[in-house]
C-alpha atoms as a PDB file:
ATOM      1  CA  MET A   1     -91.760  32.589  11.297  1.00  0.00           C
ATOM      2  CA  LYS A   2     -89.409  32.067  14.340  1.00  0.00           C
ATOM      3  CA  ILE A   3     -86.308  29.573  14.215  1.00  0.00           C
ATOM      4  CA  LYS A   4     -85.364  28.305  17.671  1.00  0.00           C
ATOM      5  CA  LEU A   5     -81.662  27.778  18.431  1.00  0.00           C
ATOM      6  CA  THR A   6     -80.620  24.264  19.665  1.00  0.00           C
ATOM      7  CA  ASP A   7     -79.389  23.915  23.399  1.00  0.00           C
ATOM      8  CA  SER A   8     -75.656  23.359  21.884  1.00  0.00           C
ATOM      9  CA  GLN A   9     -75.978  26.414  19.897  1.00  0.00           C
ATOM     10  CA  LYS A  10     -77.142  28.614  22.844  1.00  0.00           C
ATOM     11  CA  PHE A  11     -74.172  27.196  25.126  1.00  0.00           C
ATOM     12  CA  ASP A  12     -71.583  27.907  22.459  1.00  0.00           C
ATOM     13  CA  ALA A  13     -72.814  31.586  21.983  1.00  0.00           C
ATOM     14  CA  PHE A  14     -72.869  31.899  25.923  1.00  0.00           C
ATOM     15  CA  PHE A  15     -69.628  30.543  26.424  1.00  0.00           C
ATOM     16  CA  HIS A  16     -67.767  32.925  24.060  1.00  0.00           C
ATOM     17  CA  ILE A  17     -69.539  35.830  25.420  1.00  0.00           C
ATOM     18  CA  ILE A  18     -68.369  34.940  28.763  1.00  0.00           C
ATOM     19  CA  ASN A  19     -64.963  34.678  27.522  1.00  0.00           C
ATOM     20  CA  ILE A  20     -65.063  38.040  26.137  1.00  0.00           C
ATOM     21  CA  VAL A  21     -66.206  39.509  29.235  1.00  0.00           C
ATOM     22  CA  ILE A  22     -63.516  37.852  31.339  1.00  0.00           C
ATOM     23  CA  SER A  23     -60.842  38.930  28.799  1.00  0.00           C
ATOM     24  CA  ILE A  24     -61.854  42.624  28.822  1.00  0.00           C
ATOM     25  CA  CYS A  25     -61.935  42.581  32.778  1.00  0.00           C
ATOM     26  CA  ALA A  26     -58.402  41.054  32.657  1.00  0.00           C
ATOM     27  CA  ILE A  27     -57.162  43.770  30.523  1.00  0.00           C
ATOM     28  CA  ILE A  28     -58.741  46.492  32.825  1.00  0.00           C
ATOM     29  CA  PHE A  29     -57.100  44.878  35.887  1.00  0.00           C
ATOM     30  CA  SER A  30     -53.738  44.664  34.266  1.00  0.00           C
ATOM     31  CA  LEU A  31     -53.679  48.187  33.229  1.00  0.00           C
ATOM     32  CA  ASP A  32     -54.567  49.114  36.845  1.00  0.00           C
ATOM     33  CA  ALA A  33     -51.646  47.186  38.017  1.00  0.00           C
ATOM     34  CA  LYS A  34     -48.966  48.154  35.677  1.00  0.00           C
ATOM     35  CA  ASN A  35     -48.670  49.927  32.352  1.00  0.00           C
ATOM     36  CA  ASP A  36     -46.847  47.173  30.488  1.00  0.00           C
ATOM     37  CA  VAL A  37     -47.288  47.946  26.775  1.00  0.00           C
ATOM     38  CA  ASN A  38     -46.216  44.428  25.582  1.00  0.00           C
ATOM     39  CA  THR A  39     -48.636  42.694  27.954  1.00  0.00           C
ATOM     40  CA  TYR A  40     -51.346  44.949  26.722  1.00  0.00           C
ATOM     41  CA  LYS A  41     -50.675  44.039  23.278  1.00  0.00           C
ATOM     42  CA  ILE A  42     -50.611  40.363  23.956  1.00  0.00           C
ATOM     43  CA  MET A  43     -53.980  40.673  25.707  1.00  0.00           C
ATOM     44  CA  VAL A  44     -55.426  42.569  22.905  1.00  0.00           C
ATOM     45  CA  GLN A  45     -54.391  40.075  20.382  1.00  0.00           C
ATOM     46  CA  GLU A  46     -55.915  37.441  22.440  1.00  0.00           C
ATOM     47  CA  LEU A  47     -59.104  39.397  22.771  1.00  0.00           C
ATOM     48  CA  ASN A  48     -59.095  39.670  18.943  1.00  0.00           C
ATOM     49  CA  THR A  49     -58.873  36.089  18.733  1.00  0.00           C
ATOM     50  CA  THR A  50     -61.739  35.347  21.076  1.00  0.00           C
ATOM     51  CA  VAL A  51     -63.856  37.724  19.237  1.00  0.00           C
ATOM     52  CA  THR A  52     -63.043  36.233  15.767  1.00  0.00           C
ATOM     53  CA  ASN A  53     -63.755  32.793  17.247  1.00  0.00           C
ATOM     54  CA  LEU A  54     -67.075  34.140  18.335  1.00  0.00           C
ATOM     55  CA  ASN A  55     -67.915  35.672  15.096  1.00  0.00           C
ATOM     56  CA  SER A  56     -67.272  32.319  13.462  1.00  0.00           C
ATOM     57  CA  GLN A  57     -69.442  30.411  15.852  1.00  0.00           C
ATOM     58  CA  ILE A  58     -72.226  33.152  15.108  1.00  0.00           C
ATOM     59  CA  PHE A  59     -71.739  33.018  11.452  1.00  0.00           C
ATOM     60  CA  ASN A  60     -72.149  29.173  11.731  1.00  0.00           C
ATOM     61  CA  ILE A  61     -75.337  29.306  13.814  1.00  0.00           C
ATOM     62  CA  LYS A  62     -76.785  32.027  11.241  1.00  0.00           C
ATOM     63  CA  GLY A  63     -75.847  29.663   8.453  1.00  0.00           C
ATOM     64  CA  ASP A  64     -77.646  26.849  10.024  1.00  0.00           C
ATOM     65  CA  MET A  65     -80.643  29.153  10.745  1.00  0.00           C
ATOM     66  CA  ASN A  66     -80.765  30.492   7.134  1.00  0.00           C
ATOM     67  CA  GLN A  67     -80.685  26.930   5.669  1.00  0.00           C
ATOM     68  CA  GLU A  68     -83.413  25.894   8.105  1.00  0.00           C
ATOM     69  CA  TRP A  69     -85.607  28.992   7.299  1.00  0.00           C
ATOM     70  CA  ASN A  70     -84.917  28.786   3.463  1.00  0.00           C
ATOM     71  CA  SER A  71     -85.985  25.114   3.279  1.00  0.00           C
ATOM     72  CA  THR A  72     -88.983  25.879   5.471  1.00  0.00           C
ATOM     73  CA  TYR A  73     -89.918  28.964   3.462  1.00  0.00           C
ATOM     74  CA  ILE A  74     -89.521  27.026  -0.001  1.00  0.00           C
ATOM     75  CA  TYR A  75     -91.648  24.261   1.434  1.00  0.00           C
ATOM     76  CA  GLU A  76     -94.502  26.580   2.781  1.00  0.00           C
ATOM     77  CA  TYR A  77     -94.429  28.705  -0.366  1.00  0.00           C
ATOM     78  CA  GLU A  78     -95.005  25.788  -2.659  1.00  0.00           C
ATOM     79  CA  LYS A  79     -97.584  24.387  -0.430  1.00  0.00           C
ATOM     80  CA  SER A  80     -99.386  27.723  -0.783  1.00  0.00           C
ATOM     81  CA  VAL A  81     -99.220  27.861  -4.481  1.00  0.00           C
ATOM     82  CA  ILE A  82    -100.605  24.501  -4.918  1.00  0.00           C
ATOM     83  CA  SER A  83    -103.300  25.230  -2.463  1.00  0.00           C
ATOM     84  CA  LEU A  84    -104.262  28.419  -4.469  1.00  0.00           C
ATOM     85  CA  LEU A  85    -104.274  26.389  -7.783  1.00  0.00           C
ATOM     86  CA  ASN A  86    -106.633  23.826  -6.257  1.00  0.00           C
ATOM     87  CA  GLU A  87    -108.829  26.635  -4.850  1.00  0.00           C
ATOM     88  CA  ALA A  88    -109.099  28.116  -8.416  1.00  0.00           C
ATOM     89  CA  GLU A  89    -110.013  24.729  -9.849  1.00  0.00           C
ATOM     90  CA  VAL A  90    -112.828  24.462  -7.325  1.00  0.00           C
ATOM     91  CA  PHE A  91    -114.126  27.663  -8.447  1.00  0.00           C
ATOM     92  CA  TYR A  92    -113.639  26.871 -12.155  1.00  0.00           C
ATOM     93  CA  ASP A  93    -115.457  23.525 -11.861  1.00  0.00           C
ATOM     94  CA  SER A  94    -118.402  25.302 -10.101  1.00  0.00           C
ATOM     95  CA  LYS A  95    -118.433  28.076 -13.075  1.00  0.00           C
ATOM     96  CA  ARG A  96    -117.490  30.698 -10.289  1.00  0.00           C
ATOM     97  CA  TYR A  97    -115.010  32.444 -12.863  1.00  0.00           C
ATOM     98  CA  GLU A  98    -114.860  35.780 -10.962  1.00  0.00           C
ATOM     99  CA  GLU A  99    -113.532  33.911  -7.986  1.00  0.00           C
ATOM    100  CA  VAL A 100    -111.071  32.089 -10.521  1.00  0.00           C
ATOM    101  CA  LEU A 101    -109.670  35.475 -11.357  1.00  0.00           C
ATOM    102  CA  LYS A 102    -109.309  36.712  -7.839  1.00  0.00           C
ATOM    103  CA  VAL A 103    -107.215  33.687  -6.991  1.00  0.00           C
ATOM    104  CA  TYR A 104    -105.024  34.023  -9.837  1.00  0.00           C
ATOM    105  CA  SER A 105    -104.355  37.877  -8.993  1.00  0.00           C
ATOM    106  CA  ASP A 106    -102.317  36.469  -6.140  1.00  0.00           C
ATOM    107  CA  GLU A 107     -98.526  37.620  -6.520  1.00  0.00           C
ATOM    108  CA  ARG A 108     -97.381  34.212  -5.722  1.00  0.00           C
ATOM    109  CA  LEU A 109     -98.994  33.059  -9.033  1.00  0.00           C
ATOM    110  CA  ARG A 110     -97.877  35.731 -11.299  1.00  0.00           C
ATOM    111  CA  ASP A 111     -95.417  33.734 -13.396  1.00  0.00           C
ATOM    112  CA  ASN A 112     -97.069  30.380 -12.856  1.00  0.00           C
ATOM    113  CA  VAL A 113     -97.429  28.557 -16.165  1.00  0.00           C
ATOM    114  CA  ILE A 114    -100.779  26.780 -15.438  1.00  0.00           C
ATOM    115  CA  VAL A 115    -102.210  30.048 -14.535  1.00  0.00           C
ATOM    116  CA  LEU A 116    -100.884  31.767 -17.722  1.00  0.00           C
ATOM    117  CA  ASN A 117    -102.372  29.002 -19.862  1.00  0.00           C
ATOM    118  CA  ASN A 118    -105.804  29.269 -17.938  1.00  0.00           C
ATOM    119  CA  LEU A 119    -106.010  32.988 -18.199  1.00  0.00           C
ATOM    120  CA  GLY A 120    -105.529  32.513 -22.064  1.00  0.00           C
ATOM    121  CA  TYR A 121    -108.361  30.060 -22.082  1.00  0.00           C
ATOM    122  CA  MET A 122    -110.536  32.190 -20.406  1.00  0.00           C
ATOM    123  CA  TYR A 123    -109.958  35.340 -22.365  1.00  0.00           C
ATOM    124  CA  ALA A 124    -110.068  33.103 -25.530  1.00  0.00           C
ATOM    125  CA  ASN A 125    -113.443  31.961 -24.549  1.00  0.00           C
ATOM    126  CA  GLY A 126    -115.095  34.818 -22.844  1.00  0.00           C
ATOM    127  CA  TYR A 127    -115.568  33.226 -19.300  1.00  0.00           C
ATOM    128  CA  TYR A 128    -116.611  36.052 -17.207  1.00  0.00           C
ATOM    129  CA  VAL A 129    -114.024  38.442 -19.038  1.00  0.00           C
ATOM    130  CA  GLU A 130    -114.832  39.883 -22.454  1.00  0.00           C
ATOM    131  CA  GLN A 131    -113.704  37.663 -25.121  1.00  0.00           C
ATOM    132  CA  ASP A 132    -110.161  39.172 -26.274  1.00  0.00           C
ATOM    133  CA  PHE A 133    -108.040  37.115 -28.611  1.00  0.00           C
ATOM    134  CA  LYS A 134    -104.952  39.434 -28.283  1.00  0.00           C
ATOM    135  CA  VAL A 135    -104.940  39.099 -24.474  1.00  0.00           C
ATOM    136  CA  ALA A 136    -105.526  35.373 -24.669  1.00  0.00           C
ATOM    137  CA  GLU A 137    -102.673  35.052 -27.029  1.00  0.00           C
ATOM    138  CA  ARG A 138    -100.313  36.870 -24.825  1.00  0.00           C
ATOM    139  CA  TYR A 139    -100.941  34.721 -21.875  1.00  0.00           C
ATOM    140  CA  TYR A 140    -100.432  31.585 -24.060  1.00  0.00           C
ATOM    141  CA  ASN A 141     -97.291  32.951 -25.332  1.00  0.00           C
ATOM    142  CA  GLU A 142     -95.951  33.621 -21.959  1.00  0.00           C
ATOM    143  CA  ALA A 143     -96.759  30.002 -20.992  1.00  0.00           C
ATOM    144  CA  ILE A 144     -95.314  28.756 -24.094  1.00  0.00           C
ATOM    145  CA  GLU A 145     -91.993  30.530 -23.449  1.00  0.00           C
ATOM    146  CA  SER A 146     -91.866  28.674 -20.192  1.00  0.00           C
ATOM    147  CA  GLY A 147     -92.136  25.359 -22.161  1.00  0.00           C
ATOM    148  CA  SER A 148     -96.013  24.573 -22.088  1.00  0.00           C
ATOM    149  CA  ILE A 149     -97.119  22.559 -25.105  1.00  0.00           C
ATOM    150  CA  ASP A 150    -100.689  22.518 -23.626  1.00  0.00           C
ATOM    151  CA  ALA A 151    -100.591  26.410 -24.172  1.00  0.00           C
ATOM    152  CA  TYR A 152     -99.446  26.184 -27.471  1.00  0.00           C
ATOM    153  CA  ASN A 153    -102.406  23.410 -28.665  1.00  0.00           C
ATOM    154  CA  ASN A 154    -104.731  25.720 -26.943  1.00  0.00           C
ATOM    155  CA  LYS A 155    -103.487  28.775 -28.847  1.00  0.00           C
ATOM    156  CA  LEU A 156    -103.804  26.762 -32.085  1.00  0.00           C
ATOM    157  CA  SER A 157    -107.364  25.816 -31.071  1.00  0.00           C
ATOM    158  CA  MET A 158    -108.398  29.387 -30.626  1.00  0.00           C
ATOM    159  CA  TYR A 159    -107.005  30.280 -33.994  1.00  0.00           C
ATOM    160  CA  LEU A 160    -108.813  27.513 -35.826  1.00  0.00           C
ATOM    161  CA  LYS A 161    -111.983  27.605 -33.864  1.00  0.00           C
ATOM    162  CA  TYR A 162    -112.623  31.272 -34.415  1.00  0.00           C
ATOM    163  CA  CYS A 163    -110.707  31.214 -37.970  1.00  0.00           C
ATOM    164  CA  LEU A 164    -108.252  33.904 -37.121  1.00  0.00           C
ATOM    165  CA  ASP A 165    -105.597  35.486 -39.498  1.00  0.00           C
ATOM    166  CA  ASP A 166    -102.286  33.858 -39.769  1.00  0.00           C
ATOM    167  CA  ILE A 167    -103.261  30.339 -38.977  1.00  0.00           C
ATOM    168  CA  PRO A 168    -100.339  28.974 -41.355  1.00  0.00           C
ATOM    169  CA  ASN A 169     -97.608  30.646 -39.029  1.00  0.00           C
ATOM    170  CA  VAL A 170     -99.165  29.308 -35.933  1.00  0.00           C
ATOM    171  CA  ILE A 171     -99.191  25.704 -37.200  1.00  0.00           C
ATOM    172  CA  THR A 172     -95.634  26.273 -38.130  1.00  0.00           C
ATOM    173  CA  GLU A 173     -94.858  27.213 -34.568  1.00  0.00           C
ATOM    174  CA  GLY A 174     -96.072  23.819 -33.430  1.00  0.00           C
ATOM    175  CA  TYR A 175     -93.833  22.129 -35.735  1.00  0.00           C
ATOM    176  CA  ASP A 176     -90.918  24.072 -34.340  1.00  0.00           C
ATOM    177  CA  LEU A 177     -92.200  23.231 -30.596  1.00  0.00           C
ATOM    178  CA  GLY A 178     -92.646  19.631 -31.463  1.00  0.00           C
ATOM    179  CA  SER A 179     -96.262  19.573 -31.000  1.00  0.00           C
ATOM    180  CA  LYS A 180     -97.494  15.886 -31.633  1.00  0.00           C
ATOM    181  CA  GLU A 181    -101.069  17.151 -31.388  1.00  0.00           C
ATOM    182  CA  ALA A 182    -100.425  19.753 -33.932  1.00  0.00           C
ATOM    183  CA  ALA A 183     -98.882  17.013 -36.259  1.00  0.00           C
ATOM    184  CA  ALA A 184    -101.699  14.910 -35.769  1.00  0.00           C
ATOM    185  CA  PHE A 185    -104.331  17.317 -36.527  1.00  0.00           C
ATOM    186  CA  VAL A 186    -102.768  18.549 -39.592  1.00  0.00           C
ATOM    187  CA  SER A 187    -102.280  15.059 -41.000  1.00  0.00           C
ATOM    188  CA  GLU A 188    -106.093  14.143 -40.682  1.00  0.00           C
ATOM    189  CA  PHE A 189    -106.576  16.149 -43.729  1.00  0.00           C
ATOM    190  CA  SER A 190    -103.837  14.611 -45.937  1.00  0.00           C
ATOM    191  CA  ASP A 191    -104.190  11.751 -48.291  1.00  0.00           C
ATOM    192  CA  SER A 192    -100.626  10.899 -47.841  1.00  0.00           C
ATOM    193  CA  GLU A 193     -99.303   7.696 -45.893  1.00  0.00           C
ATOM    194  CA  ASN A 194     -96.425   9.607 -44.424  1.00  0.00           C
ATOM    195  CA  GLU A 195     -95.901   9.800 -40.799  1.00  0.00           C
ATOM    196  CA  ASN A 196     -97.604  12.891 -38.977  1.00  0.00           C
ATOM    197  CA  VAL A 197     -94.429  14.887 -38.403  1.00  0.00           C
ATOM    198  CA  LYS A 198     -93.363  14.389 -42.152  1.00  0.00           C
ATOM    199  CA  ILE A 199     -96.971  15.791 -43.198  1.00  0.00           C
ATOM    200  CA  LEU A 200     -96.492  18.704 -40.850  1.00  0.00           C
ATOM    201  CA  TYR A 201     -93.134  19.295 -41.932  1.00  0.00           C
ATOM    202  CA  ASP A 202     -94.193  19.329 -45.538  1.00  0.00           C
ATOM    203  CA  PHE A 203     -96.898  21.798 -44.713  1.00  0.00           C
ATOM    204  CA  CYS A 204     -94.685  24.162 -42.936  1.00  0.00           C
ATOM    205  CA  ASN A 205     -91.646  24.315 -45.343  1.00  0.00           C
ATOM    206  CA  LEU A 206     -92.645  22.843 -48.714  1.00  0.00           C
ATOM    207  CA  PHE A 207     -96.136  24.386 -49.202  1.00  0.00           C
ATOM    208  CA  THR A 208     -96.555  27.893 -50.724  1.00  0.00           C
ATOM    209  CA  ARG A 209     -98.844  30.274 -48.788  1.00  0.00           C
ATOM    210  CA  GLU A 210    -101.585  29.625 -51.378  1.00  0.00           C
ATOM    211  CA  GLU A 211    -101.212  25.703 -51.018  1.00  0.00           C
ATOM    212  CA  GLN A 212    -101.333  26.364 -47.220  1.00  0.00           C
ATOM    213  CA  MET A 213    -104.670  28.364 -47.410  1.00  0.00           C
ATOM    214  CA  SER A 214    -106.130  25.879 -49.649  1.00  0.00           C
ATOM    215  CA  TYR A 215    -105.220  23.028 -47.159  1.00  0.00           C
ATOM    216  CA  ILE A 216    -106.689  24.792 -44.191  1.00  0.00           C
ATOM    217  CA  ASP A 217    -109.949  25.244 -46.180  1.00  0.00           C
ATOM    218  CA  LYS A 218    -110.277  21.593 -46.028  1.00  0.00           C
ATOM    219  CA  MET A 219    -110.389  21.690 -42.288  1.00  0.00           C
ATOM    220  CA  TYR A 220    -113.682  23.627 -42.149  1.00  0.00           C
ATOM    221  CA  TYR A 221    -117.371  22.839 -42.921  1.00  0.00           C
ATOM    222  CA  TRP A 222    -120.681  24.426 -42.280  1.00  0.00           C
ATOM    223  CA  ASP A 223    -122.904  23.091 -39.748  1.00  0.00           C
ATOM    224  CA  GLU A 224    -126.737  23.564 -39.893  1.00  0.00           C
ATOM    225  CA  ALA A 225    -127.936  25.216 -36.865  1.00  0.00           C
ATOM    226  CA  GLY A 226    -131.902  25.392 -37.704  1.00  0.00           C
ATOM    227  CA  ILE A 227    -134.161  28.205 -38.470  1.00  0.00           C
ATOM    228  CA  VAL A 228    -133.869  31.682 -37.329  1.00  0.00           C
ATOM    229  CA  SER A 229    -137.159  33.914 -37.532  1.00  0.00           C
ATOM    230  CA  THR A 230    -136.561  37.528 -36.911  1.00  0.00           C
ATOM    231  CA  ASN A 231    -138.204  41.130 -37.665  1.00  0.00           C
ATOM    232  CA  LYS A 232    -135.081  42.492 -38.907  1.00  0.00           C
ATOM    233  CA  PRO A 233    -132.751  41.288 -41.668  1.00  0.00           C
ATOM    234  CA  LEU A 234    -129.600  39.328 -40.657  1.00  0.00           C
ATOM    235  CA  SER A 235    -126.185  39.415 -42.501  1.00  0.00           C
ATOM    236  CA  SER A 236    -123.683  36.493 -42.784  1.00  0.00           C
ATOM    237  CA  GLU A 237    -120.298  36.851 -40.904  1.00  0.00           C
ATOM    238  CA  LYS A 238    -117.045  35.007 -40.846  1.00  0.00           C
ATOM    239  CA  LEU A 239    -118.406  32.330 -38.512  1.00  0.00           C
ATOM    240  CA  ILE A 240    -122.056  32.248 -39.296  1.00  0.00           C
ATOM    241  CA  ARG A 241    -124.024  32.213 -42.330  1.00  0.00           C
ATOM    242  CA  TYR A 242    -127.757  32.838 -43.297  1.00  0.00           C
ATOM    243  CA  GLU A 243    -129.760  31.494 -46.025  1.00  0.00           C
ATOM    244  CA  VAL A 244    -133.235  33.265 -46.851  1.00  0.00           C
ATOM    245  CA  LEU A 245    -135.833  30.702 -46.663  1.00  0.00           C
ATOM    246  CA  SER A 246    -138.710  30.674 -49.360  1.00  0.00           C
ATOM    247  CA  ASP A 247    -142.312  29.819 -48.426  1.00  0.00           C
ATOM    248  CA  SER A 248    -141.813  26.278 -49.703  1.00  0.00           C
ATOM    249  CA  ASP A 249    -138.842  26.029 -47.238  1.00  0.00           C
ATOM    250  CA  ILE A 250    -140.783  26.524 -44.180  1.00  0.00           C
ATOM    251  CA  VAL A 251    -141.555  23.520 -42.259  1.00  0.00           C
ATOM    252  CA  ASN A 252    -143.056  24.988 -38.964  1.00  0.00           C
ATOM    253  CA  GLU A 253    -146.246  26.868 -39.445  1.00  0.00           C
ATOM    254  CA  GLU A 254    -145.662  28.576 -36.001  1.00  0.00           C
ATOM    255  CA  HIS A 255    -143.165  30.927 -37.656  1.00  0.00           C
ATOM    256  CA  ASN A 256    -145.653  32.317 -39.926  1.00  0.00           C
ATOM    257  CA  SER A 257    -148.356  32.875 -37.473  1.00  0.00           C
ATOM    258  CA  ALA A 258    -145.934  34.591 -35.077  1.00  0.00           C
ATOM    259  CA  GLY A 259    -145.588  37.558 -37.835  1.00  0.00           C
ATOM    260  CA  PHE A 260    -141.967  37.248 -38.405  1.00  0.00           C
ATOM    261  CA  VAL A 261    -140.807  39.003 -41.519  1.00  0.00           C
ATOM    262  CA  PHE A 262    -137.502  37.476 -42.192  1.00  0.00           C
ATOM    263  CA  MET A 263    -136.720  33.816 -41.945  1.00  0.00           C
ATOM    264  CA  TYR A 264    -133.231  32.069 -42.500  1.00  0.00           C
ATOM    265  CA  ARG A 265    -131.501  28.705 -42.274  1.00  0.00           C
ATOM    266  CA  GLU A 266    -128.571  29.357 -40.148  1.00  0.00           C
ATOM    267  CA  TYR A 267    -125.058  27.621 -40.511  1.00  0.00           C
ATOM    268  CA  ASN A 268    -122.140  27.876 -38.241  1.00  0.00           C
ATOM    269  CA  LEU A 269    -118.517  27.423 -39.414  1.00  0.00           C
ATOM    270  CA  ARG A 270    -116.766  24.606 -37.807  1.00  0.00           C
ATOM    271  CA  CYS A 271    -113.383  23.159 -37.675  1.00  0.00           C
ATOM    272  CA  ALA A 272    -113.244  19.379 -38.293  1.00  0.00           C
ATOM    273  CA  ASN A 273    -111.223  17.103 -35.820  1.00  0.00           C
ATOM    274  CA  ILE A 274    -110.245  20.248 -33.789  1.00  0.00           C
ATOM    275  CA  ALA A 275    -110.713  17.868 -30.657  1.00  0.00           C
ATOM    276  CA  ILE A 276    -107.364  16.242 -31.396  1.00  0.00           C
ATOM    277  CA  LEU A 277    -105.725  19.391 -30.118  1.00  0.00           C
ATOM    278  CA  GLY A 278    -107.331  18.830 -26.747  1.00  0.00           C
ATOM    279  CA  GLU A 279    -108.180  22.574 -25.931  1.00  0.00           C
ATOM    280  CA  HIS A 280    -108.799  22.676 -22.126  1.00  0.00           C
ATOM    281  CA  PHE A 281    -108.310  24.190 -18.760  1.00  0.00           C
ATOM    282  CA  ILE A 282    -105.154  23.025 -17.067  1.00  0.00           C
ATOM    283  CA  LYS A 283    -105.597  21.362 -13.780  1.00  0.00           C
ATOM    284  CA  MET A 284    -103.123  20.114 -11.097  1.00  0.00           C
ATOM    285  CA  ILE A 285    -104.853  16.530 -11.566  1.00  0.00           C
ATOM    286  CA  GLU A 286    -106.071  15.917 -14.912  1.00  0.00           C
ATOM    287  CA  GLU A 287    -109.367  14.071 -14.904  1.00  0.00           C
END
């Protein structure tokens, strides 16, 4: 990016350069006419003064140029960052997740708190990338260190939604960070009439670990997802449960006619009221 000198700055620089040239010529002519050492010293001093003045002028010009360049650079840099974030949002809204990641790989967005949160969100939910809770948490933590409460709320949502280990400590982190959403969420499962923050405080500081885990159990319920028919046996997992159906439980004769050997009623583990935490992909302008 080029910065143009003003006419005044150009004139000042040109004027001092001419003075130096004249002074040098004067010294040369004087030395030809006479070899007066004192006169020579005086003229050298005058020349040094002229050079000093010129350097001062050049320094001031450079200072003005640097200030103008820095202001312009910062403006252009911030403008480009905003443009990149907006571009990523457009790709996200159209479910072009690969393009989102390409935009986020730009060096200018490396430490951007919005990007850190959204990368955590994408890894937590497996959008284009393989679902990886450790990678998601790393991004969330970096955003949290930059002061993002949204990133913490997303992190807590991830722990609760997928029933990850160490939920009590993550909830306690919310108390330390002052998350109003965490306080509101935890208070939903209490019979106490205390304020949300007090209920969260009690959970984090007064409950034993056994009491905390018992309290967390109240946050979950099994949601019936329907009947599953398969030719191979299914095993229940942490977030999903299968109940074998007897003949009398079968309500749809099509399952029998299809020749399926195993039939189950499926249930998914859900966390109640998790919407309070507002897990989301952060945008420049929230809808």
